[in-house]
């Protein structure tokens, strides 16, 4: 996979716990354009992490990402918060999206919590540019809302909340009142995503109109599921809180891996049959038909792998 060497040209620490980086080529040349909802994978001290792009998407000269510091995380956010300074260089992969707006949608309902606002910013930019109908619900801790001013400049249809109770009071009516053809996009902590998806499903939203973006390292343990390996006939259970990658490695199967967060594409394994709960930020919809990322994605029931 080709990479970009980028220079940190600006750092913004105004929102507590969130560091915003502006990255550019050393010669300030044009960077690859990207689809709204895209992220870049930055090679960090401990591997690689994905961060949503929030700036202009067409022929940009800068990439902008915002990183929440996670003291108990794997270290990527700590490295960005504590080690990077203006003038430092980073290596990043080209932009990739698994969270693009569906162009045939009659309306785009964006629902975000905390740092989950980041992919929504480029959605709002695109909606404004192309005259699409986009609405936002955003809940964040008081004083820790990222892109609040930017959101206000991009849309008149944003509802912001600083407490869970008021957000939940508005959520169900918002989901229940959308016109036919609306698609909903959800990003935030794993439990937040699961809760919003459950409410939407209970209200009759089909899965084809619900789109989610998980952040690597913030995944619920998941339910146990069975795996069958087609080559050997071996059948085993992947327990809750244990990844498929860990289970395969424990059984002597060598699976390449790097990020352990579903962003680098190294641990892709072929799927012959079964229902996969995709949690990665790498595979396209077409690729998900016969593949899964062993580090983060899970099965439902039994999954047969072509291994």
Protein backbone atom coordinates (compact mmCIF):
# COMPACT_ATOMS: atom_id res chain seq x y z
CA UNK A 1 0.00 0.00 0.00
CA UNK A 2 1.46 3.38 -1.00
CA UNK A 3 2.16 5.94 1.70
CA UNK A 4 2.54 9.68 2.11
CA UNK A 5 5.21 11.44 4.15
CA UNK A 6 3.55 14.44 5.75
CA UNK A 7 4.72 17.32 7.92
CA UNK A 8 2.82 18.55 10.98
CA UNK A 9 2.25 22.19 10.06
CA UNK A 10 -0.15 23.13 12.88
CA UNK A 11 -1.42 21.76 16.18
CA UNK A 12 -4.61 22.85 17.96
CA UNK A 13 -5.10 21.81 21.60
CA UNK A 14 -7.96 24.13 22.47
CA UNK A 15 -10.45 21.34 23.21
CA UNK A 16 -9.28 19.50 26.35
CA UNK A 17 -8.11 15.98 25.57
CA UNK A 18 -8.37 16.42 21.80
CA UNK A 19 -5.39 17.31 19.62
CA UNK A 20 -6.04 18.50 16.08
CA UNK A 21 -3.22 18.08 13.58
CA UNK A 22 -2.88 19.81 10.24
CA UNK A 23 -0.67 17.77 7.91
CA UNK A 24 0.81 18.73 4.55
CA UNK A 25 3.47 17.72 2.07
CA UNK A 26 6.85 19.30 2.69
CA UNK A 27 6.47 21.27 -0.57
CA UNK A 28 2.83 22.12 0.30
CA UNK A 29 1.76 20.35 -2.89
CA UNK A 30 -1.70 18.97 -3.57
CA UNK A 31 -2.77 15.86 -1.69
CA UNK A 32 -5.08 13.09 -2.94
CA UNK A 33 -8.77 13.96 -2.81
CA UNK A 34 -11.01 11.78 -0.70
CA UNK A 35 -14.61 10.69 -0.25
CA UNK A 36 -16.50 12.28 2.67
CA UNK A 37 -16.25 10.01 5.70
CA UNK A 38 -12.72 8.92 4.78
CA UNK A 39 -9.85 8.32 7.17
CA UNK A 40 -6.09 8.06 6.91
CA UNK A 41 -4.01 5.46 8.70
CA UNK A 42 -1.05 7.06 10.47
CA UNK A 43 1.91 4.93 11.43
CA UNK A 44 2.41 5.53 15.14
CA UNK A 45 5.03 4.42 17.62
CA UNK A 46 3.11 1.20 18.36
CA UNK A 47 1.79 0.35 14.91
CA UNK A 48 -0.94 2.17 13.00
CA UNK A 49 -4.15 4.03 13.85
CA UNK A 50 -6.97 5.41 11.70
CA UNK A 51 -8.20 8.99 12.03
CA UNK A 52 -11.07 10.63 10.16
CA UNK A 53 -10.29 13.49 7.79
CA UNK A 54 -12.24 16.63 8.64
CA UNK A 55 -10.96 19.20 6.13
CA UNK A 56 -11.74 19.93 2.48
CA UNK A 57 -12.01 16.74 0.46
CA UNK A 58 -11.43 18.01 -3.10
CA UNK A 59 -7.83 18.67 -4.17
CA UNK A 60 -6.74 19.55 -0.63
CA UNK A 61 -3.31 20.89 0.28
CA UNK A 62 -3.77 19.87 3.91
CA UNK A 63 -5.20 16.94 5.80
CA UNK A 64 -6.79 17.68 9.18
CA UNK A 65 -7.37 15.00 11.84
CA UNK A 66 -8.40 15.19 15.48
CA UNK A 67 -7.18 12.66 18.03
CA UNK A 68 -8.73 11.94 21.42
CA UNK A 69 -6.10 11.07 24.03
CA UNK A 70 -6.77 7.61 25.46
CA UNK A 71 -4.44 7.05 28.45
CA UNK A 72 -5.44 3.37 28.66
CA UNK A 73 -5.21 2.78 24.92
CA UNK A 74 -2.51 1.05 22.90
CA UNK A 75 -0.34 4.17 22.76
CA UNK A 76 -1.04 5.81 19.41
CA UNK A 77 -3.00 8.70 20.88
CA UNK A 78 -0.42 9.22 23.64
CA UNK A 79 2.32 9.38 21.03
CA UNK A 80 0.41 11.99 19.03
CA UNK A 81 -0.44 14.05 22.12
CA UNK A 82 2.93 13.88 23.85
CA UNK A 83 5.58 13.35 21.19
CA UNK A 84 4.51 15.18 18.04
CA UNK A 85 5.35 18.84 17.51
CA UNK A 86 5.06 21.26 14.62
CA UNK A 87 7.69 20.31 12.06
CA UNK A 88 7.58 16.58 12.84
CA UNK A 89 6.99 14.15 10.00
CA UNK A 90 4.52 11.27 9.94
CA UNK A 91 3.88 8.47 7.47
CA UNK A 92 0.27 7.95 6.43
CA UNK A 93 -1.54 5.68 4.02
CA UNK A 94 -3.72 7.17 1.31
CA UNK A 95 -7.30 8.07 2.32
CA UNK A 96 -9.82 5.24 2.46
CA UNK A 97 -13.52 5.23 3.28
CA UNK A 98 -15.92 2.67 4.65
CA UNK A 99 -18.36 5.39 5.78
CA UNK A 100 -19.25 7.36 2.65
CA UNK A 101 -22.61 9.09 2.23
CA UNK A 102 -25.10 7.12 0.13
CA UNK A 103 -25.76 9.41 -2.81
CA UNK A 104 -29.26 8.08 -3.51
CA UNK A 105 -30.42 8.96 0.03
CA UNK A 106 -33.15 11.58 0.28
CA UNK A 107 -31.73 12.75 3.61
CA UNK A 108 -28.59 12.03 5.66
CA UNK A 109 -29.18 11.80 9.42
CA UNK A 110 -25.83 12.04 11.23
CA UNK A 111 -25.65 10.90 14.87
CA UNK A 112 -22.39 11.34 16.79
CA UNK A 113 -20.98 11.22 20.30
CA UNK A 114 -17.70 12.71 21.47
CA UNK A 115 -14.84 12.33 19.00
CA UNK A 116 -17.31 10.51 16.75
CA UNK A 117 -18.11 13.93 15.30
CA UNK A 118 -14.98 13.81 13.12
CA UNK A 119 -16.27 11.82 10.11
CA UNK A 120 -19.49 13.81 10.24
CA UNK A 121 -17.67 17.07 9.53
CA UNK A 122 -16.67 15.98 6.03
CA UNK A 123 -20.23 14.67 5.48
CA UNK A 124 -21.55 18.12 6.34
CA UNK A 125 -19.01 19.82 4.05
CA UNK A 126 -20.09 17.61 1.17
CA UNK A 127 -23.79 18.12 1.88
CA UNK A 128 -23.38 21.88 1.85
CA UNK A 129 -21.32 21.82 -1.35
CA UNK A 130 -23.79 19.64 -3.27
CA UNK A 131 -27.01 20.91 -1.72
CA UNK A 132 -27.90 17.63 -0.01
CA UNK A 133 -30.22 17.40 2.99
CA UNK A 134 -28.16 16.52 6.09
CA UNK A 135 -29.19 16.72 9.76
CA UNK A 136 -26.96 16.23 12.81
CA UNK A 137 -27.49 15.07 16.39
CA UNK A 138 -24.30 15.47 18.44
CA UNK A 139 -23.84 14.71 22.14
CA UNK A 140 -20.62 15.60 23.96
CA UNK A 141 -19.33 16.41 27.41
CA UNK A 142 -19.65 20.04 28.41
CA UNK A 143 -16.59 21.98 27.30
CA UNK A 144 -15.29 19.04 25.24
CA UNK A 145 -17.23 19.37 22.03
CA UNK A 146 -15.00 19.18 18.97
CA UNK A 147 -15.83 21.17 15.81
CA UNK A 148 -18.78 22.90 17.46
CA UNK A 149 -18.12 26.21 15.70
CA UNK A 150 -17.37 24.47 12.41
CA UNK A 151 -20.62 22.51 12.58
CA UNK A 152 -22.54 25.75 13.13
CA UNK A 153 -20.94 27.24 10.03
CA UNK A 154 -21.75 24.20 7.88
CA UNK A 155 -25.42 23.59 8.70
CA UNK A 156 -28.52 25.13 10.25
CA UNK A 157 -29.84 21.65 11.05
CA UNK A 158 -27.65 20.58 13.96
CA UNK A 159 -28.89 19.68 17.44
CA UNK A 160 -26.15 19.63 20.09
CA UNK A 161 -26.48 18.10 23.56
CA UNK A 162 -24.26 18.10 26.63
CA UNK A 163 -26.13 15.44 28.60
CA UNK A 164 -27.28 11.94 27.74
CA UNK A 165 -30.86 12.39 28.98
CA UNK A 166 -31.68 15.28 26.64
CA UNK A 167 -30.00 13.50 23.75
CA UNK A 168 -32.01 10.32 24.32
CA UNK A 169 -35.21 12.36 24.63
CA UNK A 170 -34.60 13.76 21.15
CA UNK A 171 -33.20 10.62 19.53
CA UNK A 172 -36.29 8.43 19.16
CA UNK A 173 -38.53 11.23 17.80
CA UNK A 174 -35.79 12.15 15.32
CA UNK A 175 -35.41 8.57 14.12
CA UNK A 176 -39.18 8.09 13.93
CA UNK A 177 -39.89 11.23 11.91
CA UNK A 178 -37.47 10.94 9.00
CA UNK A 179 -38.80 10.91 5.43
CA UNK A 180 -38.68 7.74 3.37
CA UNK A 181 -35.25 7.19 1.86
CA UNK A 182 -33.28 8.68 4.76
CA UNK A 183 -30.01 6.98 5.68
CA UNK A 184 -28.56 7.24 9.19
CA UNK A 185 -24.84 7.39 10.00
CA UNK A 186 -23.63 6.71 13.54
CA UNK A 187 -20.19 7.21 15.08
CA UNK A 188 -18.97 7.27 18.67
CA UNK A 189 -18.11 4.86 21.47
CA UNK A 190 -19.02 1.25 20.81
CA UNK A 191 -21.85 1.11 23.36
CA UNK A 192 -23.30 4.36 22.01
CA UNK A 193 -23.37 2.89 18.51
CA UNK A 194 -25.00 -0.32 19.72
CA UNK A 195 -27.66 1.63 21.64
CA UNK A 196 -28.55 3.89 18.71
CA UNK A 197 -28.66 0.96 16.28
CA UNK A 198 -30.96 -0.93 18.67
CA UNK A 199 -33.36 2.02 18.91
CA UNK A 200 -33.35 2.51 15.13
CA UNK A 201 -33.97 -1.20 14.56
CA UNK A 202 -36.84 -1.25 17.02
CA UNK A 203 -38.37 1.67 15.11
CA UNK A 204 -38.25 -0.33 11.89
CA UNK A 205 -35.11 0.97 10.23
CA UNK A 206 -33.71 -1.65 7.83
CA UNK A 207 -30.05 -2.54 8.22
CA UNK A 208 -29.36 -1.31 4.69
CA UNK A 209 -30.07 2.26 5.79
CA UNK A 210 -27.99 2.17 9.00
CA UNK A 211 -24.28 2.89 8.65
CA UNK A 212 -21.80 2.81 11.53
CA UNK A 213 -18.16 3.72 12.02
CA UNK A 214 -16.30 2.15 14.93
CA UNK A 215 -13.00 3.55 16.09
CA UNK A 216 -10.20 1.02 16.44
CA UNK A 217 -9.53 0.05 20.05
CA UNK A 218 -13.06 0.87 21.20
CA UNK A 219 -14.97 -2.31 20.45
CA UNK A 220 -17.39 -4.19 22.68
CA UNK A 221 -16.30 -7.75 23.56
CA UNK A 222 -19.02 -9.26 21.36
CA UNK A 223 -20.81 -12.59 21.66
CA UNK A 224 -19.03 -15.94 21.23
CA UNK A 225 -19.19 -17.46 17.75
CA UNK A 226 -18.06 -20.67 16.06
CA UNK A 227 -15.44 -20.93 13.33
CA UNK A 228 -14.97 -23.80 10.90
CA UNK A 229 -11.76 -24.02 8.86
CA UNK A 230 -12.64 -25.52 5.47
CA UNK A 231 -9.19 -27.00 4.76
CA UNK A 232 -8.86 -28.97 8.00
CA UNK A 233 -12.44 -29.24 9.20
CA UNK A 234 -11.33 -27.82 12.55
CA UNK A 235 -14.19 -26.23 14.50
CA UNK A 236 -13.66 -23.99 17.52
CA UNK A 237 -15.34 -21.20 19.47
CA UNK A 238 -14.10 -17.62 19.61
CA UNK A 239 -15.06 -16.48 23.09
CA UNK A 240 -16.40 -13.05 24.03
CA UNK A 241 -13.54 -10.57 24.41
CA UNK A 242 -11.18 -12.72 22.31
CA UNK A 243 -10.46 -11.83 18.68
CA UNK A 244 -10.53 -14.26 15.78
CA UNK A 245 -6.89 -13.33 15.19
CA UNK A 246 -5.96 -14.38 18.72
CA UNK A 247 -7.88 -17.63 18.39
CA UNK A 248 -6.26 -18.51 15.06
CA UNK A 249 -2.78 -17.68 16.37
CA UNK A 250 -3.34 -19.81 19.49
CA UNK A 251 -4.12 -22.75 17.20
CA UNK A 252 -0.90 -22.38 15.27
CA UNK A 253 -2.21 -20.50 12.24
CA UNK A 254 0.10 -17.77 11.02
CA UNK A 255 -1.94 -14.68 10.09
CA UNK A 256 -0.06 -11.46 9.22
CA UNK A 257 -1.07 -8.55 11.42
CA UNK A 258 0.04 -5.03 12.26
CA UNK A 259 -2.48 -2.61 13.73
CA UNK A 260 -4.92 -4.92 15.57
CA UNK A 261 -7.58 -2.24 15.00
CA UNK A 262 -9.04 -3.10 11.60
CA UNK A 263 -7.34 -0.31 9.70
CA UNK A 264 -4.24 -1.68 7.98
CA UNK A 265 -5.63 -4.65 6.05
CA UNK A 266 -2.90 -7.09 7.05
CA UNK A 267 -5.04 -9.73 8.78
CA UNK A 268 -7.67 -10.16 6.07
CA UNK A 269 -8.96 -13.75 5.92
CA UNK A 270 -11.24 -15.34 3.28
CA UNK A 271 -14.81 -16.21 4.30
CA UNK A 272 -16.63 -19.10 2.60
CA UNK A 273 -19.96 -18.84 4.41
CA UNK A 274 -21.70 -17.42 7.46
CA UNK A 275 -22.74 -14.03 8.80
CA UNK A 276 -19.91 -11.62 9.62
CA UNK A 277 -20.24 -8.59 11.90
CA UNK A 278 -17.78 -6.28 10.19
CA UNK A 279 -16.05 -3.78 12.49
CA UNK A 280 -13.09 -2.78 10.34
CA UNK A 281 -12.29 0.49 8.58
CA UNK A 282 -10.54 -1.18 5.66
CA UNK A 283 -12.70 -3.47 3.52
CA UNK A 284 -15.10 -2.14 0.90
CA UNK A 285 -18.68 -3.40 0.74
CA UNK A 286 -17.75 -5.70 -2.14
CA UNK A 287 -14.71 -7.06 -0.28
CA UNK A 288 -16.84 -7.78 2.78
CA UNK A 289 -18.85 -10.35 0.84
CA UNK A 290 -16.04 -12.90 1.06
CA UNK A 291 -13.51 -11.50 3.56
CA UNK A 292 -13.18 -10.30 7.13
CA UNK A 293 -10.52 -8.64 9.25
CA UNK A 294 -9.52 -11.17 11.91
CA UNK A 295 -8.36 -8.59 14.46
CA UNK A 296 -11.72 -6.85 15.04
CA UNK A 297 -14.60 -8.43 13.13
CA UNK A 298 -16.73 -11.22 14.53
CA UNK A 299 -19.21 -13.82 13.38
CA UNK A 300 -22.80 -14.56 14.26
CA UNK A 301 -23.47 -18.26 14.77
CA UNK A 302 -20.89 -20.14 12.68
CA UNK A 303 -18.50 -18.70 10.13
CA UNK A 304 -16.59 -20.90 7.69
CA UNK A 305 -13.16 -19.61 6.72
CA UNK A 306 -11.33 -20.68 3.59
CA UNK A 307 -8.23 -21.61 5.61
